[in-house]
Amino acid sequence: MSAVNKSAEDDGSSSSKVIKIVFILLLLDLLGFTVILPLLPSILDHYAQTGDVVYESLQGVVDWFREAVGIPMEKKYNTVLFGGLIGSLFSLLQFLFSPITGALSDRYGRRPLLILTTLGLMSSYAIWAVSQSFKMFLLFRVIGGICKGNVSLCTAIVADLPCPKARNRGMAMIGIAFSVGFTVGPLMGAYFAISSKTTGGIFYQTPALLALAFSAADLLFIWLMLPETLTNKVKASSSGSGDSRDLLSPLSLFHFSAVTRTKDPPSKARMQKLQVLGLIYFCYLFLFSGLEFTLSFLTHQRFQFTSMQQGKMFFFIGVIMALIQGGYARRIKPGHHIKAVRMAIITLIPAFILIGLSWSMAMLYVGLALYSFAAAIVVPCLSTLVSDHGSASQKGTVMGILRSLGALARALGPVMSSSVYWIAGAQTCFLLTSASFIIPLLLLKTAGRLKEE
């Protein structure tokens, strides 16, 4: 065997090991993060019944928005809106802190930052476990939003891998971790909440301790198993580069300015393509997250879905996404990602038309199956495309900015979609947004034409 072949084989083996480690640590992180999802309505009801002052003041904001867009005064809708308000707060914190976390990891390494953010998450879960007021619950969410850098750091670790094929496989595995985490985590949260009630404790305490245990296991796994993927030479080259304002200004984030103002800036052509890819990512998630949020309104209003039926629906979506990511997305060859994203977004158009017009369960679930197929492909493929940009000392910054743009889209999309939903109706909302997917499709065409120097 030649030295070149042996080196390539060693790199492949090392990359596979890193991908497996990233999958496990991200899965542990997501299991801890998602146990709260089915409990949120009950948690909000709990604080509403106790007459919590902070809860009631925030309820005033929800009531103002509900009256402004004409949402009926119904407990189910109030819960969805209040949950959306808390979700938007979390996303806005992610928007602010993801680029900073990514840039710091370029300077100090992925491993130290992962340890730091995981310690922060552990402290947030500990606060949730002992919280007795809504103010403490919000503090848990704020600390979690600030410290939830594990996703962007994991994508940066995958972006550090030298082989494009390995990076593609790694991004697909991150997608699988999301699908499994968001499928299994909520089920565990619901189960342990029931068991906590039967033992006479506060229903959310056992799930909070479970999240803390997952986070502690994650920290131990990072400490013992995760190698540092950033060399000392690369860390040194990133030291002192860039301007901190480029990580805080929304306009600078859309332009990826923090990447251009460095010692080793990409070519103008590569920067143009990176900016277009970031804009595609934002537009896609803005539209997608908005319809994802209003899906709960539609299924409750049109099909009278209970919380259990909603859970079964999202379980169906999660299983299909995991199968697509494990069977198809991770096998997409380098150079074929833009084509795959285009096909997925085109699939979303009939998916949301079917969901918006659905008057039978069969029609709804056909739309959901198409929706799941597309959702499984777009984000991993766009992440792979973006991970090819930036030097070795900029990968954390690049992936942190991408994560930040996604968080901003997830903060704004639900507000826009729910407003259109209640002002113009479900069908208009879904049909209008389906037509709006032409925007990321046109941007994809531009990205495909841009040649990198």
Protein backbone atom coordinates (compact mmCIF):
# COMPACT_ATOMS: atom_id res chain seq x y z
CA MET A 1 0.00 0.00 0.00
CA SER A 2 1.41 3.44 -0.95
CA ALA A 3 2.02 6.15 1.65
CA VAL A 4 -0.67 8.34 0.01
CA ASN A 5 -3.31 5.60 0.16
CA LYS A 6 -2.41 4.78 3.77
CA SER A 7 -2.68 8.46 4.71
CA ALA A 8 -6.09 8.73 3.00
CA GLU A 9 -7.27 5.58 4.81
CA ASP A 10 -6.10 6.97 8.16
CA ASP A 11 -7.88 10.28 7.47
CA GLY A 12 -11.07 8.40 6.57
CA SER A 13 -10.90 6.31 9.75
CA SER A 14 -10.22 9.39 11.87
CA SER A 15 -13.10 11.30 10.21
CA SER A 16 -15.52 8.40 10.80
CA LYS A 17 -14.56 8.31 14.47
CA VAL A 18 -15.10 12.07 14.85
CA ILE A 19 -18.49 11.85 13.08
CA LYS A 20 -19.65 9.06 15.43
CA ILE A 21 -18.52 11.05 18.49
CA VAL A 22 -20.26 14.21 17.24
CA PHE A 23 -23.46 12.24 16.60
CA ILE A 24 -23.52 10.83 20.16
CA LEU A 25 -22.69 14.09 21.94
CA LEU A 26 -25.23 16.05 19.88
CA LEU A 27 -27.89 13.37 20.43
CA LEU A 28 -27.33 13.55 24.22
CA ASP A 29 -27.57 17.33 24.01
CA LEU A 30 -30.80 17.24 21.99
CA LEU A 31 -32.44 14.62 24.21
CA GLY A 32 -31.90 16.95 27.16
CA PHE A 33 -33.11 19.95 25.16
CA THR A 34 -36.35 18.33 23.87
CA VAL A 35 -37.75 16.74 27.04
CA ILE A 36 -39.50 20.04 27.81
CA LEU A 37 -41.42 20.27 24.51
CA PRO A 38 -44.55 18.27 25.44
CA LEU A 39 -44.58 19.82 28.93
CA LEU A 40 -44.69 23.47 27.88
CA PRO A 41 -48.53 23.74 27.78
CA SER A 42 -48.80 22.20 31.26
CA ILE A 43 -45.99 24.43 32.61
CA LEU A 44 -47.77 27.54 31.29
CA ASP A 45 -51.08 26.37 32.81
CA HIS A 46 -49.28 25.73 36.12
CA TYR A 47 -47.99 29.32 36.35
CA ALA A 48 -51.32 30.76 35.13
CA GLN A 49 -53.12 28.99 38.00
CA THR A 50 -50.64 30.21 40.61
CA GLY A 51 -51.18 33.84 39.55
CA ASP A 52 -47.48 34.43 38.92
CA VAL A 53 -46.81 38.19 38.43
CA VAL A 54 -44.18 37.78 35.67
CA TYR A 55 -46.40 35.30 33.81
CA GLU A 56 -49.39 37.65 33.92
CA SER A 57 -47.34 40.60 32.61
CA LEU A 58 -46.14 38.52 29.63
CA GLN A 59 -49.69 37.29 29.12
CA GLY A 60 -50.56 40.91 28.40
CA VAL A 61 -48.12 40.88 25.44
CA VAL A 62 -49.70 37.66 24.12
CA ASP A 63 -53.22 39.11 24.53
CA TRP A 64 -52.22 42.26 22.62
CA PHE A 65 -50.88 40.20 19.69
CA ARG A 66 -53.90 37.87 19.77
CA GLU A 67 -56.34 40.79 19.58
CA ALA A 68 -54.26 42.58 16.88
CA VAL A 69 -54.43 39.66 14.43
CA GLY A 70 -57.87 38.35 15.42
CA ILE A 71 -56.98 35.05 17.09
CA PRO A 72 -59.95 33.61 19.05
CA MET A 73 -59.72 33.62 22.84
CA GLU A 74 -59.14 29.89 23.32
CA LYS A 75 -56.80 28.12 25.74
CA LYS A 76 -55.16 26.01 23.01
CA TYR A 77 -54.26 29.06 20.88
CA ASN A 78 -53.05 31.00 23.91
CA THR A 79 -50.67 28.15 24.77
CA VAL A 80 -49.28 27.98 21.23
CA LEU A 81 -48.74 31.77 21.17
CA PHE A 82 -47.15 31.88 24.63
CA GLY A 83 -44.89 28.98 23.69
CA GLY A 84 -44.01 30.85 20.49
CA LEU A 85 -43.08 33.95 22.52
CA ILE A 86 -40.70 31.90 24.68
CA GLY A 87 -39.34 30.15 21.56
CA SER A 88 -38.70 33.53 19.90
CA LEU A 89 -36.79 34.73 22.97
CA PHE A 90 -34.64 31.58 22.83
CA SER A 91 -34.02 32.05 19.08
CA LEU A 92 -33.08 35.73 19.49
CA LEU A 93 -30.50 34.77 22.12
CA GLN A 94 -29.16 32.17 19.70
CA PHE A 95 -29.01 34.85 17.00
CA LEU A 96 -26.88 37.03 19.28
CA PHE A 97 -24.55 34.44 20.77
CA SER A 98 -23.97 31.76 18.09
CA PRO A 99 -21.49 33.87 16.05
CA ILE A 100 -19.58 34.79 19.22
CA THR A 101 -19.39 31.13 20.30
CA GLY A 102 -18.20 30.11 16.83
CA ALA A 103 -15.54 32.85 16.68
CA LEU A 104 -14.24 31.97 20.16
CA SER A 105 -13.97 28.31 19.11
CA ASP A 106 -11.79 29.40 16.16
CA ARG A 107 -9.44 31.02 18.63
CA TYR A 108 -9.49 28.62 21.61
CA GLY A 109 -10.63 25.35 20.05
CA ARG A 110 -13.91 23.45 19.69
CA ARG A 111 -13.43 21.23 22.74
CA PRO A 112 -13.00 23.99 25.40
CA LEU A 113 -16.03 25.89 24.08
CA LEU A 114 -18.15 22.72 24.03
CA ILE A 115 -17.18 22.04 27.64
CA LEU A 116 -18.04 25.64 28.59
CA THR A 117 -21.43 25.69 26.83
CA THR A 118 -22.35 22.27 28.25
CA LEU A 119 -21.54 23.48 31.77
CA GLY A 120 -23.83 26.46 31.08
CA LEU A 121 -26.62 24.15 29.94
CA MET A 122 -26.20 22.00 33.04
CA SER A 123 -26.62 25.09 35.23
CA SER A 124 -29.78 26.04 33.29
CA TYR A 125 -31.33 22.58 33.79
CA ALA A 126 -30.43 22.71 37.49
CA ILE A 127 -32.28 26.06 37.76
CA TRP A 128 -35.30 24.52 35.99
CA ALA A 129 -35.31 21.56 38.40
CA VAL A 130 -35.52 23.83 41.47
CA SER A 131 -37.62 26.63 39.93
CA GLN A 132 -40.74 27.62 41.83
CA SER A 133 -41.65 30.76 39.85
CA PHE A 134 -42.04 31.76 36.21
CA LYS A 135 -39.15 34.20 36.67
CA MET A 136 -36.85 31.24 37.46
CA PHE A 137 -38.27 29.31 34.52
CA LEU A 138 -37.46 32.24 32.18
CA LEU A 139 -33.94 32.43 33.66
CA PHE A 140 -33.50 28.75 32.73
CA ARG A 141 -34.54 29.52 29.13
CA VAL A 142 -32.31 32.62 28.91
CA ILE A 143 -29.20 30.78 30.14
CA GLY A 144 -30.07 27.90 27.79
CA GLY A 145 -30.39 30.30 24.84
CA ILE A 146 -27.02 31.90 25.59
CA CYS A 147 -25.22 28.57 26.09
CA LYS A 148 -26.91 26.51 23.33
CA GLY A 149 -23.81 26.61 21.15
CA ASN A 150 -23.44 22.86 20.81
CA VAL A 151 -25.11 22.67 17.39
CA SER A 152 -22.95 25.34 15.72
CA LEU A 153 -19.84 23.90 17.42
CA CYS A 154 -20.68 20.38 16.19
CA THR A 155 -21.15 21.67 12.64
CA ALA A 156 -17.80 23.48 12.98
CA ILE A 157 -16.14 20.21 14.05
CA VAL A 158 -17.58 18.49 10.97
CA ALA A 159 -16.49 21.47 8.84
CA ASP A 160 -12.92 20.90 10.13
CA LEU A 161 -12.83 17.48 8.45
CA PRO A 162 -10.52 17.52 5.40
CA CYS A 163 -12.62 15.34 3.06
CA PRO A 164 -15.78 16.82 1.38
CA LYS A 165 -17.44 13.38 1.40
CA ALA A 166 -16.81 13.08 5.15
CA ARG A 167 -18.23 16.58 5.73
CA ASN A 168 -21.39 15.65 3.83
CA ARG A 169 -21.77 12.44 5.84
CA GLY A 170 -21.16 14.36 9.06
CA MET A 171 -23.81 17.00 8.30
CA ALA A 172 -26.32 14.24 7.47
CA MET A 173 -25.51 12.52 10.78
CA ILE A 174 -26.15 15.83 12.57
CA GLY A 175 -29.53 15.85 10.81
CA ILE A 176 -30.23 12.30 12.02
CA ALA A 177 -29.30 13.32 15.58
CA PHE A 178 -31.90 16.12 15.31
CA SER A 179 -34.59 13.77 13.98
CA VAL A 180 -33.98 11.13 16.66
CA GLY A 181 -33.61 13.73 19.43
CA PHE A 182 -36.83 15.55 18.51
CA THR A 183 -38.68 12.21 18.21
CA VAL A 184 -37.47 10.39 21.35
CA GLY A 185 -36.81 13.34 23.71
CA PRO A 186 -40.43 14.60 23.89
CA LEU A 187 -41.71 11.05 24.49
CA MET A 188 -39.29 10.68 27.41
CA GLY A 189 -40.30 14.07 28.78
CA ALA A 190 -44.01 13.13 28.70
CA TYR A 191 -43.36 9.72 30.30
CA PHE A 192 -41.27 11.07 33.18
CA ALA A 193 -43.72 13.92 33.80
CA ILE A 194 -46.47 11.33 34.36
CA SER A 195 -44.23 9.27 36.67
CA SER A 196 -43.29 12.43 38.58
CA LYS A 197 -47.00 13.16 39.19
CA THR A 198 -47.64 9.64 40.51
CA THR A 199 -44.90 10.04 43.12
CA GLY A 200 -46.41 13.31 44.35
CA GLY A 201 -43.68 15.63 43.07
CA ILE A 202 -43.90 18.65 40.75
CA PHE A 203 -44.60 17.20 37.31
CA TYR A 204 -41.67 18.94 35.57
CA GLN A 205 -39.03 18.15 38.19
CA THR A 206 -38.14 14.61 37.04
CA PRO A 207 -37.90 15.65 33.34
CA ALA A 208 -35.66 18.56 34.42
CA LEU A 209 -33.38 16.18 36.33
CA LEU A 210 -33.38 13.87 33.29
CA ALA A 211 -32.26 16.79 31.09
CA LEU A 212 -29.55 17.56 33.65
CA ALA A 213 -28.42 13.90 33.57
CA PHE A 214 -28.23 13.94 29.74
CA SER A 215 -26.20 17.14 29.88
CA ALA A 216 -23.84 15.68 32.52
CA ALA A 217 -23.36 12.54 30.38
CA ASP A 218 -22.68 14.83 27.40
CA LEU A 219 -20.01 16.71 29.36
CA LEU A 220 -18.35 13.45 30.42
CA PHE A 221 -18.42 12.15 26.85
CA ILE A 222 -16.85 15.37 25.52
CA TRP A 223 -14.17 15.26 28.22
CA LEU A 224 -13.23 11.62 27.64
CA MET A 225 -13.84 11.02 23.93
CA LEU A 226 -13.82 14.19 21.83
CA PRO A 227 -10.46 15.08 20.24
CA GLU A 228 -9.60 18.69 19.41
CA THR A 229 -10.08 19.08 15.65
CA LEU A 230 -8.38 22.48 15.49
CA THR A 231 -4.57 22.47 15.43
CA ASN A 232 -2.52 24.96 17.48
CA LYS A 233 -1.29 26.49 14.22
CA VAL A 234 -4.85 27.19 13.07
CA LYS A 235 -5.81 28.61 16.50
CA ALA A 236 -2.82 30.95 16.37
CA SER A 237 -3.74 32.17 12.88
CA SER A 238 -7.23 33.19 14.05
CA SER A 239 -5.99 35.12 17.10
CA GLY A 240 -6.83 38.79 16.98
CA SER A 241 -8.58 38.64 13.62
CA GLY A 242 -11.84 40.32 12.73
CA ASP A 243 -13.97 42.95 14.49
CA SER A 244 -16.38 42.08 17.31
CA ARG A 245 -19.00 44.43 15.79
CA ASP A 246 -19.18 42.11 12.77
CA LEU A 247 -20.55 39.42 15.10
CA LEU A 248 -23.31 41.65 16.52
CA SER A 249 -24.63 43.65 13.56
CA PRO A 250 -27.44 41.85 11.64
CA LEU A 251 -26.32 43.44 8.35
CA SER A 252 -22.73 42.30 8.93
CA LEU A 253 -23.93 38.78 9.69
CA PHE A 254 -25.82 38.59 6.37
CA HIS A 255 -22.63 39.75 4.62
CA PHE A 256 -20.41 37.36 6.67
CA SER A 257 -18.22 40.45 7.31
CA ALA A 258 -16.36 38.72 10.15
CA VAL A 259 -14.95 36.29 7.56
CA THR A 260 -13.76 39.01 5.17
CA ARG A 261 -11.92 41.11 7.77
CA THR A 262 -9.31 38.47 8.59
CA LYS A 263 -5.69 37.73 7.72
CA ASP A 264 -6.78 35.13 5.16
CA PRO A 265 -10.03 36.40 3.56
CA PRO A 266 -11.76 34.26 0.89
CA SER A 267 -11.83 35.46 -2.73
CA LYS A 268 -14.57 37.85 -3.80
CA ALA A 269 -16.33 35.10 -5.78
CA ARG A 270 -16.33 32.69 -2.82
CA MET A 271 -17.64 35.44 -0.52
CA GLN A 272 -20.47 36.19 -2.95
CA LYS A 273 -21.46 32.53 -3.00
CA LEU A 274 -21.26 32.30 0.81
CA GLN A 275 -23.50 35.36 1.18
CA VAL A 276 -26.06 33.94 -1.27
CA LEU A 277 -26.06 30.58 0.56
CA GLY A 278 -26.60 32.38 3.88
CA LEU A 279 -29.53 34.30 2.38
CA ILE A 280 -31.04 31.05 1.02
CA TYR A 281 -30.71 29.47 4.46
CA PHE A 282 -32.44 32.45 6.11
CA CYS A 283 -35.27 32.68 3.53
CA TYR A 284 -35.92 28.93 3.64
CA LEU A 285 -36.08 28.77 7.45
CA PHE A 286 -38.14 31.99 7.68
CA LEU A 287 -40.83 30.45 5.45
CA PHE A 288 -40.50 26.89 6.76
CA SER A 289 -40.54 27.74 10.49
CA GLY A 290 -43.57 29.98 9.98
CA LEU A 291 -45.64 27.20 8.41
CA GLU A 292 -44.27 24.68 10.93
CA PHE A 293 -45.57 26.93 13.74
CA THR A 294 -49.03 27.44 12.20
CA LEU A 295 -49.36 23.69 11.60
CA SER A 296 -50.50 23.35 15.23
CA PHE A 297 -53.24 25.95 14.62
CA LEU A 298 -54.43 24.17 11.47
CA THR A 299 -54.59 20.64 12.90
CA HIS A 300 -56.39 21.84 16.04
CA GLN A 301 -58.82 24.10 14.19
CA ARG A 302 -59.61 21.81 11.25
CA PHE A 303 -59.12 18.29 12.67
CA GLN A 304 -59.56 18.97 16.43
CA PHE A 305 -56.19 17.33 17.20
CA THR A 306 -55.50 16.67 20.86
CA SER A 307 -51.99 17.04 22.32
CA MET A 308 -51.52 13.28 21.90
CA GLN A 309 -52.48 13.44 18.22
CA GLN A 310 -50.09 16.36 17.73
CA GLY A 311 -47.37 14.23 19.33
CA LYS A 312 -48.12 11.31 17.00
CA MET A 313 -47.98 13.65 14.00
CA PHE A 314 -44.53 14.98 14.95
CA PHE A 315 -43.39 11.40 15.66
CA PHE A 316 -44.43 10.48 12.08
CA ILE A 317 -42.46 13.47 10.74
CA GLY A 318 -39.38 12.61 12.84
CA VAL A 319 -39.27 8.97 11.74
CA ILE A 320 -39.49 9.85 8.03
CA MET A 321 -36.80 12.52 8.40
CA ALA A 322 -34.44 10.08 10.16
CA LEU A 323 -34.97 7.47 7.42
CA ILE A 324 -34.34 9.99 4.61
CA GLN A 325 -31.25 11.43 6.30
CA GLY A 326 -29.82 8.01 7.07
CA GLY A 327 -30.63 6.47 3.70
CA TYR A 328 -30.37 9.27 1.15
CA ALA A 329 -29.01 12.61 2.46
CA ARG A 330 -25.70 11.23 3.72
CA ARG A 331 -25.03 9.58 0.33
CA ILE A 332 -25.39 12.76 -1.74
CA LYS A 333 -22.16 13.18 -3.68
CA PRO A 334 -20.05 16.38 -3.49
CA GLY A 335 -21.17 18.80 -6.19
CA HIS A 336 -24.79 17.57 -6.11
CA HIS A 337 -25.98 19.48 -3.04
CA ILE A 338 -27.50 22.50 -4.80
CA LYS A 339 -29.48 20.13 -7.04
CA ALA A 340 -30.68 18.17 -3.96
CA VAL A 341 -31.74 21.38 -2.15
CA ARG A 342 -33.59 22.58 -5.27
CA MET A 343 -35.47 19.28 -5.53
CA ALA A 344 -36.37 19.40 -1.80
CA ILE A 345 -37.68 22.98 -1.91
CA ILE A 346 -39.71 22.21 -5.05
CA THR A 347 -41.21 19.27 -3.09
CA LEU A 348 -42.18 21.64 -0.27
CA ILE A 349 -44.49 23.63 -2.56
CA PRO A 350 -47.02 20.79 -3.18
CA ALA A 351 -46.45 19.61 0.42
CA PHE A 352 -47.72 22.85 1.94
CA ILE A 353 -50.46 23.23 -0.70
CA LEU A 354 -51.77 19.78 0.27
CA ILE A 355 -51.57 20.61 3.99
CA GLY A 356 -53.23 24.02 3.51
CA LEU A 357 -56.09 22.59 1.44
CA SER A 358 -56.42 19.29 3.33
CA TRP A 359 -59.89 18.28 4.47
CA SER A 360 -59.07 14.61 5.09
CA MET A 361 -56.45 12.88 7.24
CA ALA A 362 -55.10 11.06 4.18
CA MET A 363 -54.49 14.33 2.33
CA LEU A 364 -52.87 15.87 5.42
CA TYR A 365 -50.48 12.97 5.91
CA VAL A 366 -49.48 12.85 2.22
CA GLY A 367 -48.54 16.52 2.60
CA LEU A 368 -46.68 15.78 5.83
CA ALA A 369 -44.72 12.96 4.17
CA LEU A 370 -43.54 15.31 1.38
CA TYR A 371 -42.81 17.99 4.01
CA SER A 372 -40.68 15.49 5.99
CA PHE A 373 -38.71 14.46 2.90
CA ALA A 374 -37.82 18.07 2.10
CA ALA A 375 -37.08 19.02 5.72
CA ALA A 376 -34.62 16.12 5.97
CA ILE A 377 -32.51 17.39 3.07
CA VAL A 378 -32.35 21.20 2.94
CA VAL A 379 -30.55 22.14 6.19
CA PRO A 380 -27.89 19.34 6.10
CA CYS A 381 -27.12 20.09 2.43
CA LEU A 382 -26.92 23.86 2.92
CA SER A 383 -24.72 23.31 5.99
CA THR A 384 -22.41 21.12 3.89
CA LEU A 385 -22.21 23.77 1.16
CA VAL A 386 -21.42 26.54 3.67
CA SER A 387 -18.84 24.37 5.48
CA ASP A 388 -16.72 24.41 2.29
CA HIS A 389 -16.19 28.15 2.71
CA GLY A 390 -13.69 29.95 4.91
CA SER A 391 -10.18 28.92 5.86
CA ALA A 392 -9.41 26.37 8.57
CA SER A 393 -9.24 29.22 11.13
CA GLN A 394 -12.69 30.55 10.16
CA LYS A 395 -14.93 27.45 10.21
CA GLY A 396 -16.36 28.15 13.68
CA THR A 397 -17.18 31.74 12.73
CA VAL A 398 -18.79 30.69 9.43
CA MET A 399 -20.96 27.97 11.00
CA GLY A 400 -21.81 30.20 13.99
CA ILE A 401 -23.04 32.96 11.65
CA LEU A 402 -25.09 30.42 9.67
CA ARG A 403 -26.67 29.16 12.90
CA SER A 404 -27.35 32.78 13.89
CA LEU A 405 -29.17 33.52 10.61
CA GLY A 406 -31.28 30.40 11.13
CA ALA A 407 -32.15 31.49 14.68
CA LEU A 408 -33.24 34.95 13.44
CA ALA A 409 -35.44 33.28 10.80
CA ARG A 410 -37.01 31.04 13.46
CA ALA A 411 -37.69 34.08 15.66
CA LEU A 412 -39.39 36.14 12.91
CA GLY A 413 -41.05 33.46 10.73
CA PRO A 414 -43.71 32.30 13.22
CA VAL A 415 -44.78 35.90 13.97
CA MET A 416 -45.29 36.66 10.27
CA SER A 417 -47.02 33.35 9.43
CA SER A 418 -49.39 33.33 12.40
CA SER A 419 -50.41 36.93 11.57
CA VAL A 420 -51.21 35.99 7.94
CA TYR A 421 -52.94 32.78 9.13
CA TRP A 422 -55.44 34.58 11.36
CA ILE A 423 -55.91 37.73 9.24
CA ALA A 424 -56.30 36.02 5.83
CA GLY A 425 -57.11 32.39 6.75
CA ALA A 426 -55.31 29.05 6.73
CA GLN A 427 -55.60 28.38 3.00
CA THR A 428 -54.29 31.82 2.03
CA CYS A 429 -51.42 31.52 4.50
CA PHE A 430 -50.26 28.12 3.24
CA LEU A 431 -50.79 28.92 -0.46
CA LEU A 432 -49.04 32.31 -0.23
CA THR A 433 -46.08 30.89 1.66
CA SER A 434 -45.84 27.93 -0.74
CA ALA A 435 -45.59 30.41 -3.62
CA SER A 436 -42.94 32.37 -1.67
CA PHE A 437 -40.56 29.38 -1.86
CA ILE A 438 -39.81 30.65 -5.37
CA ILE A 439 -37.48 33.18 -3.65
CA PRO A 440 -34.98 30.62 -2.27
CA LEU A 441 -35.31 28.71 -5.57
CA LEU A 442 -34.24 31.80 -7.56
CA LEU A 443 -31.39 32.41 -5.10
CA LEU A 444 -30.31 28.79 -5.57
CA LYS A 445 -30.16 29.40 -9.32
CA THR A 446 -27.88 32.39 -8.64
CA ALA A 447 -25.69 30.30 -6.31
CA GLY A 448 -25.39 27.58 -8.96
CA ARG A 449 -24.18 30.13 -11.53
CA LEU A 450 -21.54 31.68 -9.27
CA LYS A 451 -18.13 30.22 -10.01
CA GLU A 452 -15.56 30.11 -7.22
CA GLU A 453 -12.02 31.26 -7.94
